[in-house]
Amino acid sequence: MSALRMMLGVGVVLAAAIGVSDAVSAREGPPSCGAVSFRPVAQGLADGTQDAGLYRSRFGKIVLHAEVKGGQAQNYYIEVNGKRPPPLQGALPTSVNSCLNAKHVKTPPPSAGANCVGSRFRVVLSHQAKAEYVMLFGLDGDVWKLCSASKM
């Protein structure tokens, strides 16, 4: 009888462990705030669109592209899961500020203007608001300037 009790007890413990691990993996999703940094492309590349960086995870793929003219990068932009996200209409909501501050981007971020250039680039993803936002920043001196923002 003792062996039967032990097997029954082990079965209950295993069933509980499987149930807990399934519940944890079902809850896991993308982090509420994340950032990925990229370096610029090298000078002297052929004219056209060049890949500047790639980030891939189980939640998706981000590609940083550079538009090159005369061997110099003139503009950078991102694609998320193979598509260029549509530009955000209006200003960034204040709900993303805590995420930006956590990723060392001062709020409100200044605009980069018409072309996105910089010595480094950072893509910040915020899932804290009711919607998801993806933002591309270019480092100008010691200030991260907002190049583009999209609501996903």
Protein backbone atom coordinates (compact mmCIF):
# COMPACT_ATOMS: atom_id res chain seq x y z
CA MET A 1 0.00 0.00 0.00
CA SER A 2 2.80 2.38 0.79
CA ALA A 3 4.19 2.13 -2.77
CA LEU A 4 0.76 2.89 -4.18
CA ARG A 5 0.45 5.98 -1.96
CA MET A 6 3.89 7.15 -3.00
CA MET A 7 3.08 6.73 -6.72
CA LEU A 8 -0.20 8.55 -6.22
CA GLY A 9 1.58 11.37 -4.38
CA VAL A 10 4.22 11.69 -7.13
CA GLY A 11 1.44 11.78 -9.74
CA VAL A 12 -0.34 14.61 -7.90
CA VAL A 13 2.91 16.59 -7.57
CA LEU A 14 3.72 16.10 -11.28
CA ALA A 15 0.22 17.13 -12.33
CA ALA A 16 0.46 20.26 -10.18
CA ALA A 17 3.91 21.10 -11.58
CA ILE A 18 2.71 20.67 -15.17
CA GLY A 19 -0.33 22.84 -14.47
CA VAL A 20 1.84 25.57 -12.93
CA SER A 21 4.38 25.50 -15.79
CA ASP A 22 1.57 25.69 -18.38
CA ALA A 23 0.04 28.66 -16.55
CA VAL A 24 3.41 30.45 -16.38
CA SER A 25 4.21 29.87 -20.07
CA ALA A 26 0.70 31.00 -21.07
CA ARG A 27 1.20 34.26 -19.12
CA GLU A 28 4.61 34.97 -20.59
CA GLY A 29 4.49 37.38 -23.45
CA PRO A 30 6.60 40.24 -24.68
CA PRO A 31 7.99 42.46 -21.94
CA SER A 32 6.03 45.60 -21.16
CA CYS A 33 9.04 47.72 -22.10
CA GLY A 34 12.05 46.80 -24.18
CA ALA A 35 14.84 48.41 -26.18
CA VAL A 36 17.28 47.24 -28.83
CA SER A 37 20.35 49.27 -29.83
CA PHE A 38 21.95 49.32 -33.28
CA ARG A 39 25.10 50.81 -34.81
CA PRO A 40 25.06 52.83 -38.05
CA VAL A 41 26.19 51.34 -41.36
CA ALA A 42 29.78 51.76 -42.47
CA GLN A 43 30.62 54.63 -44.81
CA GLY A 44 31.28 53.90 -48.46
CA LEU A 45 28.50 51.37 -49.03
CA ALA A 46 26.77 51.12 -52.39
CA ASP A 47 23.83 53.44 -53.00
CA GLY A 48 20.37 52.11 -52.20
CA THR A 49 18.77 50.52 -49.17
CA GLN A 50 21.18 48.66 -46.89
CA ASP A 51 20.45 46.53 -43.84
CA ALA A 52 21.96 48.19 -40.79
CA GLY A 53 20.85 45.73 -38.13
CA LEU A 54 18.58 42.81 -37.28
CA TYR A 55 16.97 41.73 -34.03
CA ARG A 56 14.94 38.54 -33.86
CA SER A 57 13.16 36.99 -30.91
CA ARG A 58 10.26 34.63 -30.41
CA PHE A 59 7.97 37.69 -30.34
CA GLY A 60 9.00 39.14 -33.70
CA LYS A 61 11.69 40.62 -35.91
CA ILE A 62 13.00 44.18 -36.20
CA VAL A 63 15.22 45.26 -39.10
CA LEU A 64 16.96 48.64 -39.22
CA HIS A 65 17.49 49.88 -42.79
CA ALA A 66 19.66 52.71 -44.08
CA GLU A 67 19.02 54.67 -47.25
CA VAL A 68 22.50 55.29 -48.70
CA LYS A 69 23.37 57.93 -51.27
CA GLY A 70 26.90 58.80 -52.32
CA GLY A 71 28.29 56.28 -49.83
CA GLN A 72 26.66 58.08 -46.85
CA ALA A 73 23.57 57.04 -44.93
CA GLN A 74 20.92 59.71 -45.47
CA ASN A 75 18.03 58.19 -43.50
CA TYR A 76 17.29 55.21 -41.26
CA TYR A 77 13.97 53.44 -40.77
CA ILE A 78 12.68 50.18 -39.31
CA GLU A 79 10.57 47.26 -40.43
CA VAL A 80 8.72 45.17 -37.85
CA ASN A 81 7.89 41.61 -38.89
CA GLY A 82 8.60 42.44 -42.54
CA LYS A 83 6.49 45.60 -42.75
CA ARG A 84 7.26 49.27 -42.31
CA PRO A 85 4.94 50.44 -39.51
CA PRO A 86 2.61 53.34 -40.34
CA PRO A 87 3.55 56.66 -38.74
CA LEU A 88 1.80 57.64 -35.54
CA GLN A 89 -0.85 60.31 -35.99
CA GLY A 90 -0.31 62.99 -33.35
CA ALA A 91 2.04 63.04 -30.39
CA LEU A 92 3.27 60.15 -28.30
CA PRO A 93 0.97 59.40 -25.37
CA THR A 94 2.34 60.15 -21.91
CA SER A 95 1.81 56.48 -20.98
CA VAL A 96 5.07 55.59 -22.80
CA ASN A 97 7.16 58.04 -20.75
CA SER A 98 7.96 55.58 -17.96
CA CYS A 99 9.24 53.08 -20.54
CA LEU A 100 11.33 55.74 -22.30
CA ASN A 101 12.83 56.90 -19.00
CA ALA A 102 13.65 53.30 -18.07
CA LYS A 103 15.55 52.99 -21.36
CA HIS A 104 17.47 56.26 -20.76
CA VAL A 105 15.52 58.39 -23.23
CA LYS A 106 14.58 61.78 -21.78
CA THR A 107 10.95 62.79 -22.13
CA PRO A 108 9.50 64.38 -24.09
CA PRO A 109 11.98 63.37 -26.78
CA PRO A 110 12.92 66.00 -29.37
CA SER A 111 12.17 65.25 -33.02
CA ALA A 112 14.96 64.23 -35.37
CA GLY A 113 13.35 66.15 -38.21
CA ALA A 114 12.91 64.92 -41.77
CA ASN A 115 15.84 62.47 -41.83
CA CYS A 116 16.82 59.98 -39.17
CA VAL A 117 20.59 59.97 -38.69
CA GLY A 118 22.84 59.46 -35.69
CA SER A 119 25.88 57.81 -34.20
CA ARG A 120 23.71 55.02 -32.73
CA PHE A 121 20.09 53.94 -32.93
CA ARG A 122 17.63 52.57 -30.41
CA VAL A 123 14.25 50.95 -30.97
CA VAL A 124 11.99 51.15 -27.92
CA LEU A 125 8.90 48.96 -27.65
CA SER A 126 6.23 49.85 -25.11
CA HIS A 127 3.38 47.52 -24.22
CA GLN A 128 2.41 49.44 -21.10
CA ALA A 129 -0.42 51.40 -22.63
CA LYS A 130 -3.59 49.80 -23.97
CA ALA A 131 -1.82 49.73 -27.33
CA GLU A 132 1.69 48.75 -28.33
CA TYR A 133 4.11 51.42 -29.56
CA VAL A 134 7.38 51.07 -31.43
CA MET A 135 9.71 54.08 -31.55
CA LEU A 136 13.00 54.63 -33.40
CA PHE A 137 15.55 57.04 -31.93
CA GLY A 138 18.83 58.37 -33.33
CA LEU A 139 21.61 59.51 -31.00
CA ASP A 140 22.71 63.08 -31.78
CA GLY A 141 25.55 64.01 -29.45
CA ASP A 142 24.19 62.81 -26.11
CA VAL A 143 20.48 63.28 -26.91
CA TRP A 144 18.18 60.58 -28.28
CA LYS A 145 16.02 62.18 -30.97
CA LEU A 146 12.72 60.65 -32.05
CA CYS A 147 12.90 59.54 -35.68
CA SER A 148 9.60 57.70 -35.94
CA ALA A 149 6.83 56.26 -33.80
CA SER A 150 4.06 53.83 -34.62
CA LYS A 151 1.09 52.32 -32.89
CA MET A 152 1.04 48.59 -33.52
